[in-house]
Protein backbone atom coordinates (compact mmCIF):
# COMPACT_ATOMS: atom_id res chain seq x y z
CA UNK A 1 47.60 -12.80 -44.84
CA UNK A 2 45.64 -12.94 -41.44
CA UNK A 3 43.35 -9.90 -40.06
CA UNK A 4 42.82 -8.70 -36.55
CA UNK A 5 40.86 -5.79 -36.64
CA UNK A 6 39.86 -4.09 -32.81
CA UNK A 7 37.95 -0.97 -32.65
CA UNK A 8 36.03 0.73 -30.04
CA UNK A 9 34.12 4.24 -29.45
CA UNK A 10 35.16 5.29 -26.64
CA UNK A 11 37.03 8.83 -26.18
CA UNK A 12 39.57 8.16 -29.14
CA UNK A 13 43.29 9.31 -29.80
CA UNK A 14 44.58 13.22 -30.32
CA UNK A 15 46.25 12.80 -33.97
CA UNK A 16 49.75 14.48 -32.42
CA UNK A 17 49.78 11.36 -30.26
CA UNK A 18 49.33 8.38 -32.99
CA UNK A 19 53.24 8.62 -34.17
CA UNK A 20 53.85 7.83 -30.44
CA UNK A 21 52.13 5.29 -28.72
CA UNK A 22 54.11 1.86 -29.84
CA UNK A 23 57.33 4.00 -28.43
CA UNK A 24 57.76 1.72 -24.79
CA UNK A 25 57.06 3.94 -22.12
CA UNK A 26 54.51 6.16 -23.98
CA UNK A 27 51.58 7.83 -22.30
CA UNK A 28 48.54 9.54 -24.18
CA UNK A 29 47.24 11.47 -20.83
CA UNK A 30 48.93 10.98 -18.12
CA UNK A 31 46.44 11.61 -15.61
CA UNK A 32 43.70 9.22 -17.51
CA UNK A 33 45.24 5.81 -15.73
CA UNK A 34 48.03 5.10 -13.37
CA UNK A 35 47.97 1.82 -13.61
CA UNK A 36 49.37 1.07 -17.39
CA UNK A 37 53.06 0.99 -18.09
CA UNK A 38 53.40 2.53 -20.67
CA UNK A 39 54.40 -1.34 -21.74
CA UNK A 40 51.28 -3.01 -23.97
CA UNK A 41 51.30 -1.48 -27.16
CA UNK A 42 54.93 -1.73 -27.87
CA UNK A 43 55.61 -5.17 -26.76
CA UNK A 44 52.57 -5.27 -29.50
CA UNK A 45 54.26 -4.24 -32.50
CA UNK A 46 57.70 -6.18 -31.99
CA UNK A 47 55.96 -9.74 -31.39
CA UNK A 48 53.87 -8.09 -34.87
CA UNK A 49 56.84 -7.52 -36.34
CA UNK A 50 59.28 -10.14 -35.78
CA UNK A 51 56.47 -12.45 -37.86
CA UNK A 52 56.76 -10.26 -40.49
CA UNK A 53 53.63 -8.38 -39.85
CA UNK A 54 52.41 -5.00 -39.03
CA UNK A 55 49.96 -3.10 -36.59
CA UNK A 56 48.68 0.34 -37.65
CA UNK A 57 46.36 2.72 -35.34
CA UNK A 58 43.15 4.86 -37.27
CA UNK A 59 42.25 6.94 -34.62
CA UNK A 60 39.61 10.17 -33.84
CA UNK A 61 39.20 11.87 -30.72
CA UNK A 62 35.59 11.99 -29.28
CA UNK A 63 34.39 8.42 -32.28
CA UNK A 64 36.84 5.13 -32.75
CA UNK A 65 39.77 4.47 -32.06
CA UNK A 66 41.00 0.90 -34.45
CA UNK A 67 44.21 -1.03 -34.20
CA UNK A 68 44.57 -3.76 -37.41
CA UNK A 69 47.06 -6.16 -36.53
CA UNK A 70 47.82 -8.31 -40.12
CA UNK A 71 50.44 -11.68 -39.91
CA UNK A 72 51.04 -13.44 -42.69
CA UNK A 73 49.97 -17.22 -43.48
CA UNK A 74 52.56 -19.69 -42.63
């Protein structure tokens, strides 16, 4: 298994948004950015799943967000 972990110490993602962030066109904070289309995490999730892996997220408001991608070895 290969693990890729990406983390930051930014604003975090609200707990109520976490179950939805991999949904197509979903945006957590509509007023925060007009540039995004809401497709990025959905595409990542679909690609990882097609490769037999999983992607997960952990976050705490005002502290951190961590994305973890696990992929099987080929």
